[in-house]
């Protein structure tokens, strides 16, 4: 177990020393994760953020604060709300993926691929699990989806401590 911890630390140091520039996607001014139960509806009074090409809107909420641990494997969960650009619930949501990566280091979550799951009764409410951050730092989170035929990507950033 100690050898595995040492290898993880060495890998993290190697990746940190090879840090390059990010791809230019702006980071948010403030990260505001919400601990606790998964929400049933988007935050009241909050306008969901537009996707990159402004074809639809999204909100992502974590069930627990995103973090890294070198002592245990943390598979994080949460909820994704997707809405059409007019704010209405989509009639269909297809090909929904969550991708977590660190473009400044050139890596993602390795073999730990996040899963996105539909929920009953609301096409625009999905849950996700198995998000495993392999190190501390700024992580880019992208949601790829096709809502009512409009394919786009939604991007945000999370600071993992």
Protein backbone atom coordinates (compact mmCIF):
# COMPACT_ATOMS: atom_id res chain seq x y z
CA UNK A 1 0.00 0.00 0.00
CA UNK A 2 2.83 2.41 0.87
CA UNK A 3 4.48 1.71 -2.50
CA UNK A 4 1.26 2.61 -4.32
CA UNK A 5 1.03 5.88 -2.38
CA UNK A 6 4.63 6.74 -3.27
CA UNK A 7 3.99 5.97 -6.94
CA UNK A 8 0.89 8.22 -6.92
CA UNK A 9 2.84 11.08 -5.36
CA UNK A 10 5.71 10.66 -7.85
CA UNK A 11 3.26 10.61 -10.77
CA UNK A 12 1.51 13.75 -9.47
CA UNK A 13 4.84 15.58 -9.16
CA UNK A 14 5.87 14.53 -12.65
CA UNK A 15 2.56 15.72 -14.12
CA UNK A 16 2.72 19.01 -12.21
CA UNK A 17 6.21 19.72 -13.52
CA UNK A 18 5.06 19.22 -17.13
CA UNK A 19 2.20 21.70 -16.82
CA UNK A 20 1.36 23.54 -20.04
CA UNK A 21 -1.26 26.14 -20.93
CA UNK A 22 -4.97 25.37 -20.86
CA UNK A 23 -7.02 25.52 -24.03
CA UNK A 24 -8.34 29.01 -23.32
CA UNK A 25 -11.73 27.98 -21.90
CA UNK A 26 -12.46 30.56 -19.20
CA UNK A 27 -12.57 29.42 -15.60
CA UNK A 28 -15.49 30.55 -13.44
CA UNK A 29 -14.90 33.32 -10.93
CA UNK A 30 -16.27 31.24 -8.10
CA UNK A 31 -16.82 27.53 -7.49
CA UNK A 32 -19.98 26.85 -5.51
CA UNK A 33 -20.52 23.11 -4.92
CA UNK A 34 -23.60 22.16 -2.96
CA UNK A 35 -23.17 19.30 -0.46
CA UNK A 36 -25.99 16.95 0.50
CA UNK A 37 -28.79 15.28 -1.38
CA UNK A 38 -29.16 15.44 -5.13
CA UNK A 39 -31.50 18.23 -6.14
CA UNK A 40 -34.79 17.51 -7.88
CA UNK A 41 -34.86 20.78 -9.84
CA UNK A 42 -32.39 23.46 -10.92
CA UNK A 43 -31.46 26.08 -8.34
CA UNK A 44 -34.34 28.49 -7.82
CA UNK A 45 -33.78 31.89 -9.40
CA UNK A 46 -30.55 30.79 -11.10
CA UNK A 47 -30.28 31.12 -14.85
CA UNK A 48 -28.66 27.98 -16.20
CA UNK A 49 -25.40 28.66 -18.03
CA UNK A 50 -25.44 28.42 -21.84
CA UNK A 51 -23.62 25.66 -23.66
CA UNK A 52 -20.52 26.62 -25.64
CA UNK A 53 -22.44 27.33 -28.89
CA UNK A 54 -25.50 28.58 -26.93
CA UNK A 55 -27.79 25.80 -28.21
CA UNK A 56 -29.01 24.80 -24.72
CA UNK A 57 -28.34 25.47 -21.01
CA UNK A 58 -27.03 23.38 -18.11
CA UNK A 59 -26.37 23.29 -14.40
CA UNK A 60 -24.13 20.73 -12.65
CA UNK A 61 -24.38 20.07 -8.91
CA UNK A 62 -22.09 17.79 -6.91
CA UNK A 63 -23.51 15.60 -4.13
CA UNK A 64 -20.30 16.31 -2.18
CA UNK A 65 -17.48 18.81 -2.56
CA UNK A 66 -15.11 17.63 -5.33
CA UNK A 67 -11.81 16.60 -3.79
CA UNK A 68 -8.81 14.31 -4.16
CA UNK A 69 -7.54 11.83 -1.60
CA UNK A 70 -4.30 9.86 -1.72
CA UNK A 71 -5.68 7.59 1.02
CA UNK A 72 -8.87 6.37 -0.68
CA UNK A 73 -10.49 6.23 -4.10
CA UNK A 74 -13.29 8.83 -4.21
CA UNK A 75 -15.95 8.17 -6.85
CA UNK A 76 -17.98 11.40 -6.83
CA UNK A 77 -21.63 11.77 -7.82
CA UNK A 78 -24.05 14.54 -8.68
CA UNK A 79 -26.84 15.76 -10.90
CA UNK A 80 -26.97 17.52 -14.28
CA UNK A 81 -29.88 19.70 -15.35
CA UNK A 82 -30.29 20.33 -19.06
CA UNK A 83 -32.73 22.85 -20.52
CA UNK A 84 -33.43 24.16 -23.98
CA UNK A 85 -32.14 27.65 -24.70
CA UNK A 86 -35.63 29.04 -23.92
CA UNK A 87 -35.40 27.47 -20.42
CA UNK A 88 -37.93 24.72 -21.07
CA UNK A 89 -37.37 21.03 -20.34
CA UNK A 90 -36.22 19.23 -23.49
CA UNK A 91 -38.43 16.59 -25.08
CA UNK A 92 -35.37 14.41 -25.74
CA UNK A 93 -31.80 14.18 -24.50
CA UNK A 94 -29.38 11.87 -26.31
CA UNK A 95 -25.68 11.03 -26.24
CA UNK A 96 -25.13 12.69 -22.85
CA UNK A 97 -21.55 12.33 -21.58
CA UNK A 98 -19.56 13.88 -18.75
CA UNK A 99 -15.84 14.35 -19.42
CA UNK A 100 -13.39 15.49 -16.74
CA UNK A 101 -9.85 16.44 -17.72
CA UNK A 102 -6.89 18.67 -16.95
CA UNK A 103 -5.86 20.15 -20.31
CA UNK A 104 -2.99 22.01 -18.64
CA UNK A 105 -1.49 18.59 -17.77
CA UNK A 106 -2.71 16.68 -20.81
CA UNK A 107 -4.70 14.01 -18.95
CA UNK A 108 -8.16 13.04 -17.78
CA UNK A 109 -9.45 10.53 -15.29
CA UNK A 110 -7.60 7.57 -16.81
CA UNK A 111 -9.58 4.33 -16.92
CA UNK A 112 -12.18 5.75 -14.50
CA UNK A 113 -14.89 6.88 -16.90
CA UNK A 114 -17.81 8.86 -15.44
CA UNK A 115 -21.32 7.48 -16.06
CA UNK A 116 -24.44 9.54 -16.80
CA UNK A 117 -27.90 8.11 -16.08
CA UNK A 118 -31.37 9.26 -17.10
CA UNK A 119 -33.98 9.78 -14.38
CA UNK A 120 -37.67 9.02 -14.57
CA UNK A 121 -40.07 11.86 -15.20
CA UNK A 122 -37.61 14.56 -16.29
CA UNK A 123 -35.64 14.17 -19.52
CA UNK A 124 -33.50 17.14 -18.50
CA UNK A 125 -32.46 15.75 -15.09
CA UNK A 126 -29.64 13.22 -15.15
CA UNK A 127 -27.44 11.80 -12.43
CA UNK A 128 -23.75 11.05 -12.79
CA UNK A 129 -21.30 8.93 -10.86
CA UNK A 130 -17.75 7.57 -10.91
CA UNK A 131 -16.02 10.94 -11.32
CA UNK A 132 -12.56 10.24 -9.90
CA UNK A 133 -10.09 13.11 -9.73
CA UNK A 134 -6.55 11.71 -9.92
CA UNK A 135 -4.89 14.82 -8.47
CA UNK A 136 -5.54 18.25 -7.01
CA UNK A 137 -5.85 21.28 -9.26
CA UNK A 138 -8.12 22.89 -11.86
CA UNK A 139 -10.28 20.35 -13.70
CA UNK A 140 -12.36 21.10 -16.79
CA UNK A 141 -15.78 19.46 -16.79
CA UNK A 142 -17.59 19.11 -20.11
CA UNK A 143 -21.11 17.85 -20.74
CA UNK A 144 -21.65 16.66 -24.32
CA UNK A 145 -25.30 16.21 -25.25
CA UNK A 146 -27.91 16.44 -27.97
CA UNK A 147 -31.12 18.13 -26.75
CA UNK A 148 -34.11 18.08 -29.07
CA UNK A 149 -31.66 17.54 -31.96
CA UNK A 150 -29.27 20.36 -30.94
CA UNK A 151 -25.80 18.92 -30.31
CA UNK A 152 -23.42 21.01 -28.19
CA UNK A 153 -20.92 20.95 -25.32
CA UNK A 154 -21.23 22.76 -21.98
CA UNK A 155 -18.00 23.62 -20.13
CA UNK A 156 -17.21 24.58 -16.55
CA UNK A 157 -14.23 24.30 -14.21
CA UNK A 158 -13.85 22.92 -10.70
CA UNK A 159 -10.95 23.44 -8.30
CA UNK A 160 -10.13 20.08 -6.68
CA UNK A 161 -8.34 20.28 -3.33
